[in-house]
C-alpha atoms as a PDB file:
ATOM      1  CA  MET A   1     -21.594  -5.012 -16.445  1.00  0.00           C
ATOM      2  CA  ASN A   2     -17.791  -4.952 -16.191  1.00  0.00           C
ATOM      3  CA  ILE A   3     -16.240  -6.487 -13.097  1.00  0.00           C
ATOM      4  CA  LEU A   4     -13.898  -3.983 -11.457  1.00  0.00           C
ATOM      5  CA  LYS A   5     -10.281  -5.102 -11.128  1.00  0.00           C
ATOM      6  CA  ILE A   6      -7.952  -4.251  -8.268  1.00  0.00           C
ATOM      7  CA  LEU A   7      -4.204  -4.774  -8.178  1.00  0.00           C
ATOM      8  CA  ILE A   8      -2.765  -5.056  -4.673  1.00  0.00           C
ATOM      9  CA  ILE A   9       1.018  -4.688  -4.591  1.00  0.00           C
ATOM     10  CA  VAL A  10       2.895  -6.216  -1.659  1.00  0.00           C
ATOM     11  CA  ASN A  11       6.579  -6.682  -0.828  1.00  0.00           C
ATOM     12  CA  ASN A  12       9.054  -9.561  -0.861  1.00  0.00           C
ATOM     13  CA  ILE A  13      11.485  -8.399   1.843  1.00  0.00           C
ATOM     14  CA  ASN A  14      11.466 -10.366   5.092  1.00  0.00           C
ATOM     15  CA  ALA A  15      14.121  -8.570   7.168  1.00  0.00           C
ATOM     16  CA  TYR A  16      15.763  -5.241   7.931  1.00  0.00           C
ATOM     17  CA  THR A  17      19.492  -4.960   7.223  1.00  0.00           C
ATOM     18  CA  SER A  18      20.007  -5.765  10.920  1.00  0.00           C
ATOM     19  CA  GLY A  19      18.383  -9.157  10.363  1.00  0.00           C
ATOM     20  CA  LYS A  20      15.280  -8.335  12.399  1.00  0.00           C
ATOM     21  CA  GLU A  21      12.143  -9.772  10.758  1.00  0.00           C
ATOM     22  CA  THR A  22       9.718  -7.589   8.842  1.00  0.00           C
ATOM     23  CA  GLY A  23       7.427  -7.878   5.814  1.00  0.00           C
ATOM     24  CA  LEU A  24       3.848  -7.026   4.872  1.00  0.00           C
ATOM     25  CA  TRP A  25       1.613  -5.590   7.586  1.00  0.00           C
ATOM     26  CA  LEU A  26      -1.272  -8.027   7.209  1.00  0.00           C
ATOM     27  CA  SER A  27      -4.246  -5.739   7.937  1.00  0.00           C
ATOM     28  CA  GLU A  28      -3.117  -3.356   5.210  1.00  0.00           C
ATOM     29  CA  LEU A  29      -3.875  -6.139   2.753  1.00  0.00           C
ATOM     30  CA  THR A  30      -6.831  -7.903   4.350  1.00  0.00           C
ATOM     31  CA  HIS A  31      -9.186  -4.936   4.732  1.00  0.00           C
ATOM     32  CA  ILE A  32      -8.987  -3.846   1.105  1.00  0.00           C
ATOM     33  CA  TYR A  33      -9.098  -7.490  -0.009  1.00  0.00           C
ATOM     34  CA  HIS A  34     -12.193  -8.146   2.117  1.00  0.00           C
ATOM     35  CA  LYS A  35     -14.079  -5.081   0.854  1.00  0.00           C
ATOM     36  CA  ALA A  36     -13.236  -5.898  -2.759  1.00  0.00           C
ATOM     37  CA  LYS A  37     -14.332  -9.525  -2.438  1.00  0.00           C
ATOM     38  CA  GLU A  38     -17.566  -8.463  -0.715  1.00  0.00           C
ATOM     39  CA  LYS A  39     -18.401  -6.403  -3.790  1.00  0.00           C
ATOM     40  CA  GLY A  40     -17.445  -9.141  -6.225  1.00  0.00           C
ATOM     41  CA  TYR A  41     -14.408  -7.323  -7.587  1.00  0.00           C
ATOM     42  CA  GLU A  42     -11.508  -9.188  -9.138  1.00  0.00           C
ATOM     43  CA  VAL A  43      -8.338  -8.959  -7.018  1.00  0.00           C
ATOM     44  CA  THR A  44      -4.777  -9.635  -8.153  1.00  0.00           C
ATOM     45  CA  ILE A  45      -1.958  -9.774  -5.597  1.00  0.00           C
ATOM     46  CA  ALA A  46       1.467  -9.029  -7.016  1.00  0.00           C
ATOM     47  CA  SER A  47       4.948  -8.244  -5.702  1.00  0.00           C
ATOM     48  CA  PRO A  48       8.214  -7.045  -7.259  1.00  0.00           C
ATOM     49  CA  LYS A  49       9.639 -10.563  -7.615  1.00  0.00           C
ATOM     50  CA  GLY A  50       6.463 -12.624  -7.360  1.00  0.00           C
ATOM     51  CA  GLY A  51       6.185 -15.671  -5.139  1.00  0.00           C
ATOM     52  CA  THR A  52       6.236 -15.630  -1.345  1.00  0.00           C
ATOM     53  CA  VAL A  53       5.003 -12.591   0.560  1.00  0.00           C
ATOM     54  CA  PRO A  54       6.584 -12.454   4.042  1.00  0.00           C
ATOM     55  CA  ILE A  55       4.359 -11.217   6.866  1.00  0.00           C
ATOM     56  CA  ASP A  56       5.654  -8.936   9.602  1.00  0.00           C
ATOM     57  CA  PRO A  57       5.327 -11.005  12.792  1.00  0.00           C
ATOM     58  CA  GLU A  58       4.332  -7.854  14.691  1.00  0.00           C
ATOM     59  CA  SER A  59       1.150  -7.681  12.608  1.00  0.00           C
ATOM     60  CA  LEU A  60       0.157 -11.179  13.762  1.00  0.00           C
ATOM     61  CA  LYS A  61       0.216 -10.407  17.469  1.00  0.00           C
ATOM     62  CA  PHE A  62      -2.941 -10.471  19.565  1.00  0.00           C
ATOM     63  CA  PHE A  63      -3.362  -6.699  19.812  1.00  0.00           C
ATOM     64  CA  THR A  64      -2.649  -5.989  16.139  1.00  0.00           C
ATOM     65  CA  LEU A  65      -4.402  -8.932  14.475  1.00  0.00           C
ATOM     66  CA  ASP A  66      -7.979  -7.672  14.097  1.00  0.00           C
ATOM     67  CA  LYS A  67     -11.004  -9.891  13.439  1.00  0.00           C
ATOM     68  CA  ILE A  68     -10.910  -9.658   9.637  1.00  0.00           C
ATOM     69  CA  SER A  69      -7.153 -10.208   9.459  1.00  0.00           C
ATOM     70  CA  ARG A  70      -7.379 -13.159  11.839  1.00  0.00           C
ATOM     71  CA  SER A  71     -10.066 -14.856   9.717  1.00  0.00           C
ATOM     72  CA  TYR A  72      -7.990 -14.517   6.548  1.00  0.00           C
ATOM     73  CA  TRP A  73      -4.830 -15.695   8.280  1.00  0.00           C
ATOM     74  CA  LYS A  74      -6.673 -18.878   9.256  1.00  0.00           C
ATOM     75  CA  ASP A  75      -7.814 -19.398   5.642  1.00  0.00           C
ATOM     76  CA  THR A  76      -5.439 -21.809   3.896  1.00  0.00           C
ATOM     77  CA  SER A  77      -6.516 -20.694   0.412  1.00  0.00           C
ATOM     78  CA  PHE A  78      -5.659 -17.083   1.304  1.00  0.00           C
ATOM     79  CA  ARG A  79      -2.284 -18.167   2.698  1.00  0.00           C
ATOM     80  CA  GLU A  80      -1.640 -19.966  -0.605  1.00  0.00           C
ATOM     81  CA  LEU A  81      -2.300 -16.697  -2.466  1.00  0.00           C
ATOM     82  CA  LEU A  82       0.403 -15.048  -0.359  1.00  0.00           C
ATOM     83  CA  ASP A  83       2.813 -17.845  -1.199  1.00  0.00           C
ATOM     84  CA  ASN A  84       2.176 -17.407  -4.919  1.00  0.00           C
ATOM     85  CA  SER A  85       1.924 -13.686  -5.648  1.00  0.00           C
ATOM     86  CA  LYS A  86       2.287 -12.672  -9.281  1.00  0.00           C
ATOM     87  CA  SER A  87       5.299 -10.641 -10.388  1.00  0.00           C
ATOM     88  CA  LEU A  88       4.858  -6.979 -11.315  1.00  0.00           C
ATOM     89  CA  THR A  89       6.362  -7.561 -14.752  1.00  0.00           C
ATOM     90  CA  GLY A  90       3.792 -10.326 -15.256  1.00  0.00           C
ATOM     91  CA  VAL A  91       0.858  -7.951 -14.708  1.00  0.00           C
ATOM     92  CA  SER A  92       2.359  -4.766 -16.185  1.00  0.00           C
ATOM     93  CA  ASN A  93       0.261  -4.922 -19.353  1.00  0.00           C
ATOM     94  CA  GLU A  94      -3.042  -5.588 -17.589  1.00  0.00           C
ATOM     95  CA  LYS A  95      -5.657  -2.892 -16.966  1.00  0.00           C
ATOM     96  CA  PHE A  96      -6.871  -2.221 -13.419  1.00  0.00           C
ATOM     97  CA  ASP A  97      -9.429   0.115 -11.887  1.00  0.00           C
ATOM     98  CA  VAL A  98      -7.301   0.503  -8.747  1.00  0.00           C
ATOM     99  CA  VAL A  99      -3.616   0.011  -8.010  1.00  0.00           C
ATOM    100  CA  TYR A 100      -3.143  -0.246  -4.240  1.00  0.00           C
ATOM    101  CA  LEU A 101       0.206  -0.375  -2.452  1.00  0.00           C
ATOM    102  CA  ALA A 102      -0.016  -2.248   0.843  1.00  0.00           C
ATOM    103  CA  GLY A 103       2.488  -1.366   3.563  1.00  0.00           C
ATOM    104  CA  GLY A 104       4.799  -2.923   6.081  1.00  0.00           C
ATOM    105  CA  HIS A 105       8.407  -1.923   6.713  1.00  0.00           C
ATOM    106  CA  GLY A 106       9.622  -4.391   4.087  1.00  0.00           C
ATOM    107  CA  THR A 107       8.298  -2.087   1.366  1.00  0.00           C
ATOM    108  CA  MET A 108      10.962   0.484   2.254  1.00  0.00           C
ATOM    109  CA  TYR A 109      13.537  -1.771   0.620  1.00  0.00           C
ATOM    110  CA  ASP A 110      11.879  -3.015  -2.571  1.00  0.00           C
ATOM    111  CA  PHE A 111       9.186  -0.430  -3.436  1.00  0.00           C
ATOM    112  CA  PRO A 112      10.912   2.949  -3.996  1.00  0.00           C
ATOM    113  CA  ASN A 113      13.278   1.954  -6.814  1.00  0.00           C
ATOM    114  CA  ASP A 114      11.228  -0.706  -8.604  1.00  0.00           C
ATOM    115  CA  THR A 115      10.924   0.475 -12.212  1.00  0.00           C
ATOM    116  CA  ALA A 116       8.088  -1.918 -13.101  1.00  0.00           C
ATOM    117  CA  MET A 117       6.076  -0.526 -10.191  1.00  0.00           C
ATOM    118  CA  GLN A 118       6.832   3.042 -11.219  1.00  0.00           C
ATOM    119  CA  SER A 119       5.638   2.349 -14.750  1.00  0.00           C
ATOM    120  CA  ILE A 120       2.417   0.694 -13.555  1.00  0.00           C
ATOM    121  CA  ILE A 121       1.650   3.586 -11.196  1.00  0.00           C
ATOM    122  CA  ARG A 122       2.441   6.286 -13.761  1.00  0.00           C
ATOM    123  CA  ASN A 123       0.237   4.680 -16.427  1.00  0.00           C
ATOM    124  CA  GLN A 124      -2.544   4.103 -13.912  1.00  0.00           C
ATOM    125  CA  TYR A 125      -2.482   7.673 -12.631  1.00  0.00           C
ATOM    126  CA  GLU A 126      -2.189   9.345 -16.023  1.00  0.00           C
ATOM    127  CA  SER A 127      -5.111   7.321 -17.363  1.00  0.00           C
ATOM    128  CA  GLY A 128      -7.276   8.875 -14.645  1.00  0.00           C
ATOM    129  CA  LYS A 129      -7.589   5.605 -12.753  1.00  0.00           C
ATOM    130  CA  MET A 130      -7.178   5.306  -9.004  1.00  0.00           C
ATOM    131  CA  VAL A 131      -3.858   4.905  -7.205  1.00  0.00           C
ATOM    132  CA  ALA A 132      -3.878   4.192  -3.466  1.00  0.00           C
ATOM    133  CA  ALA A 133      -1.210   3.453  -0.878  1.00  0.00           C
ATOM    134  CA  ILE A 134      -1.069   2.981   2.869  1.00  0.00           C
ATOM    135  CA  CYS A 135       1.557   3.431   5.570  1.00  0.00           C
ATOM    136  CA  HIS A 136       5.049   2.509   4.292  1.00  0.00           C
ATOM    137  CA  GLY A 137       3.518   1.439   0.973  1.00  0.00           C
ATOM    138  CA  VAL A 138       3.369   5.167   0.214  1.00  0.00           C
ATOM    139  CA  GLY A 139       7.138   4.891  -0.293  1.00  0.00           C
ATOM    140  CA  GLY A 140       6.353   3.224  -3.606  1.00  0.00           C
ATOM    141  CA  LEU A 141       5.144   6.618  -4.860  1.00  0.00           C
ATOM    142  CA  LEU A 142       8.359   8.476  -3.969  1.00  0.00           C
ATOM    143  CA  ASN A 143      10.232   8.065  -7.244  1.00  0.00           C
ATOM    144  CA  VAL A 144       7.309   7.840  -9.677  1.00  0.00           C
ATOM    145  CA  LYS A 145       7.696  10.502 -12.364  1.00  0.00           C
ATOM    146  CA  LEU A 146       4.909  11.536 -14.705  1.00  0.00           C
ATOM    147  CA  SER A 147       5.365  11.922 -18.449  1.00  0.00           C
ATOM    148  CA  ASP A 148       6.259  15.604 -17.978  1.00  0.00           C
ATOM    149  CA  GLY A 149       9.199  14.637 -15.760  1.00  0.00           C
ATOM    150  CA  GLU A 150       7.643  15.892 -12.513  1.00  0.00           C
ATOM    151  CA  TYR A 151       7.266  13.632  -9.482  1.00  0.00           C
ATOM    152  CA  LEU A 152       3.721  12.327  -9.154  1.00  0.00           C
ATOM    153  CA  ILE A 153       3.470  13.390  -5.521  1.00  0.00           C
ATOM    154  CA  LYS A 154       4.718  16.947  -6.069  1.00  0.00           C
ATOM    155  CA  ASN A 155       2.112  19.385  -4.681  1.00  0.00           C
ATOM    156  CA  LYS A 156      -0.209  16.484  -3.834  1.00  0.00           C
ATOM    157  CA  ARG A 157      -1.931  16.137  -0.480  1.00  0.00           C
ATOM    158  CA  ILE A 158      -0.600  12.925   0.969  1.00  0.00           C
ATOM    159  CA  THR A 159      -0.077  10.968   4.181  1.00  0.00           C
ATOM    160  CA  GLY A 160       1.980   7.984   5.312  1.00  0.00           C
ATOM    161  CA  PHE A 161       3.752   6.580   8.377  1.00  0.00           C
ATOM    162  CA  ASN A 162       5.483   9.503  10.088  1.00  0.00           C
ATOM    163  CA  TRP A 163       8.778   9.811  11.927  1.00  0.00           C
ATOM    164  CA  PHE A 164       7.246  10.085  15.382  1.00  0.00           C
ATOM    165  CA  GLU A 165       5.294   6.890  14.701  1.00  0.00           C
ATOM    166  CA  GLU A 166       8.603   5.197  13.803  1.00  0.00           C
ATOM    167  CA  SER A 167       9.805   6.244  17.251  1.00  0.00           C
ATOM    168  CA  LEU A 168       6.686   4.776  18.877  1.00  0.00           C
ATOM    169  CA  ALA A 169       7.236   1.565  16.898  1.00  0.00           C
ATOM    170  CA  CYS A 170      10.920   1.483  17.989  1.00  0.00           C
ATOM    171  CA  ARG A 171      12.021   1.342  14.355  1.00  0.00           C
ATOM    172  CA  LYS A 172      13.954   4.607  13.885  1.00  0.00           C
ATOM    173  CA  LYS A 173      17.272   2.755  13.995  1.00  0.00           C
ATOM    174  CA  GLU A 174      16.026  -0.032  11.714  1.00  0.00           C
ATOM    175  CA  VAL A 175      14.483   1.813   8.773  1.00  0.00           C
ATOM    176  CA  PRO A 176      16.617   2.793   5.738  1.00  0.00           C
ATOM    177  CA  PHE A 177      15.114   6.306   5.523  1.00  0.00           C
ATOM    178  CA  ASN A 178      12.614   8.744   7.034  1.00  0.00           C
ATOM    179  CA  LEU A 179       9.452   8.360   4.931  1.00  0.00           C
ATOM    180  CA  GLU A 180       7.795  11.555   6.159  1.00  0.00           C
ATOM    181  CA  ALA A 181      10.877  13.648   5.302  1.00  0.00           C
ATOM    182  CA  ALA A 182      11.324  11.909   1.937  1.00  0.00           C
ATOM    183  CA  LEU A 183       7.728  12.703   0.926  1.00  0.00           C
ATOM    184  CA  MET A 184       8.207  16.370   1.766  1.00  0.00           C
ATOM    185  CA  GLU A 185      11.540  16.459  -0.088  1.00  0.00           C
ATOM    186  CA  ARG A 186       9.612  15.441  -3.200  1.00  0.00           C
ATOM    187  CA  GLY A 187       7.326  18.448  -2.735  1.00  0.00           C
ATOM    188  CA  ALA A 188       4.319  16.571  -1.338  1.00  0.00           C
ATOM    189  CA  ASN A 189       1.921  18.383   0.981  1.00  0.00           C
ATOM    190  CA  TYR A 190       2.250  15.913   3.839  1.00  0.00           C
ATOM    191  CA  GLU A 191      -0.621  15.606   6.341  1.00  0.00           C
ATOM    192  CA  LYS A 192      -0.957  13.520   9.499  1.00  0.00           C
ATOM    193  CA  ALA A 193      -3.497  12.755  12.201  1.00  0.00           C
ATOM    194  CA  PHE A 194      -3.399  15.013  15.257  1.00  0.00           C
ATOM    195  CA  ILE A 195      -2.908  11.939  17.450  1.00  0.00           C
ATOM    196  CA  PRO A 196      -0.192   9.491  16.281  1.00  0.00           C
ATOM    197  CA  MET A 197      -1.205   5.904  15.503  1.00  0.00           C
ATOM    198  CA  THR A 198      -4.813   6.897  14.745  1.00  0.00           C
ATOM    199  CA  SER A 199      -6.629   6.683  11.428  1.00  0.00           C
ATOM    200  CA  LYS A 200      -6.022   9.281   8.724  1.00  0.00           C
ATOM    201  CA  VAL A 201      -6.990   9.043   5.046  1.00  0.00           C
ATOM    202  CA  VAL A 202      -6.233  11.719   2.451  1.00  0.00           C
ATOM    203  CA  VAL A 203      -7.912  11.977  -0.957  1.00  0.00           C
ATOM    204  CA  ASP A 204      -6.385  14.163  -3.669  1.00  0.00           C
ATOM    205  CA  GLY A 205      -8.174  13.489  -6.955  1.00  0.00           C
ATOM    206  CA  ASN A 206      -7.476   9.907  -7.984  1.00  0.00           C
ATOM    207  CA  LEU A 207      -4.719   9.548  -5.361  1.00  0.00           C
ATOM    208  CA  ILE A 208      -5.681   8.086  -1.969  1.00  0.00           C
ATOM    209  CA  THR A 209      -3.294   7.519   0.930  1.00  0.00           C
ATOM    210  CA  GLY A 210      -3.662   6.131   4.463  1.00  0.00           C
ATOM    211  CA  GLN A 211      -1.298   7.017   7.290  1.00  0.00           C
ATOM    212  CA  ASN A 212      -0.716   3.821   9.261  1.00  0.00           C
ATOM    213  CA  PRO A 213      -2.059   0.307  10.033  1.00  0.00           C
ATOM    214  CA  PHE A 214      -4.862   1.859  12.053  1.00  0.00           C
ATOM    215  CA  SER A 215      -6.058   3.496   8.834  1.00  0.00           C
ATOM    216  CA  SER A 216      -6.545   0.142   7.058  1.00  0.00           C
ATOM    217  CA  LYS A 217     -10.290  -0.094   7.568  1.00  0.00           C
ATOM    218  CA  GLU A 218     -11.015   3.542   6.706  1.00  0.00           C
ATOM    219  CA  THR A 219      -8.704   3.476   3.671  1.00  0.00           C
ATOM    220  CA  ALA A 220     -10.550   0.451   2.286  1.00  0.00           C
ATOM    221  CA  LYS A 221     -13.925   2.131   2.920  1.00  0.00           C
ATOM    222  CA  VAL A 222     -12.924   5.447   1.325  1.00  0.00           C
ATOM    223  CA  LEU A 223     -11.319   3.693  -1.629  1.00  0.00           C
ATOM    224  CA  MET A 224     -14.503   1.739  -2.355  1.00  0.00           C
ATOM    225  CA  GLN A 225     -16.610   4.904  -2.097  1.00  0.00           C
ATOM    226  CA  GLU A 226     -14.327   6.809  -4.481  1.00  0.00           C
ATOM    227  CA  LEU A 227     -14.211   3.862  -6.883  1.00  0.00           C
ATOM    228  CA  GLU A 228     -18.002   3.647  -7.018  1.00  0.00           C
ATOM    229  CA  LYS A 229     -18.241   7.414  -7.624  1.00  0.00           C
ATOM    230  CA  GLN A 230     -15.725   7.187 -10.453  1.00  0.00           C
ATOM    231  CA  ASN A 231     -17.434   4.154 -11.946  1.00  0.00           C
ATOM    232  CA  ALA A 232     -20.819   5.910 -11.866  1.00  0.00           C
ATOM    233  CA  LYS A 233     -19.599   8.747 -14.124  1.00  0.00           C
END
């Protein structure tokens, strides 16, 4: 039996242009990582440059650091993984069953225009394999074009961190662009939860997106369910 392989892409940016700290939102990595490891899947963590993955300090606070994330943050071997992520160019020729883009505001700077990431996502999607993204990680899908020249997300049902949630997070003046508006400009059929900062997961074929950090657990659960369905075919 083949062991399923998951590529988790994270960011390398540790600050907004203002200098305020940002990075990966930890739970958006830990929940998918935990589910995958529970099932014995092989997980690769990679970033645009490779090396250290900065963590958004907001995601380590008492009210945002959930039980699973806290246990991994205390695990020195897991912390070492985050200090030694692989580079996207180093994994670009590997085959994966899932490519998953974790979020955090840092992704808004190094995800959208990364050509290695775009190539990985395009090849993954066009081969019928699963592509998933959560929160600001969805920004990594913005500029991905398919072989026919159309944007991947055009006419796709999709979600991601919305502009009102940026207001609630007090980040409207920090972020380099409005993710919700950018998704719609690309022709995506953007959806969001009725209540901001609550879980929302959208599945459109082999594309899965989660709205915000509070969607981390459900995104991981849905992704595993969809992966098992695909693998059973």
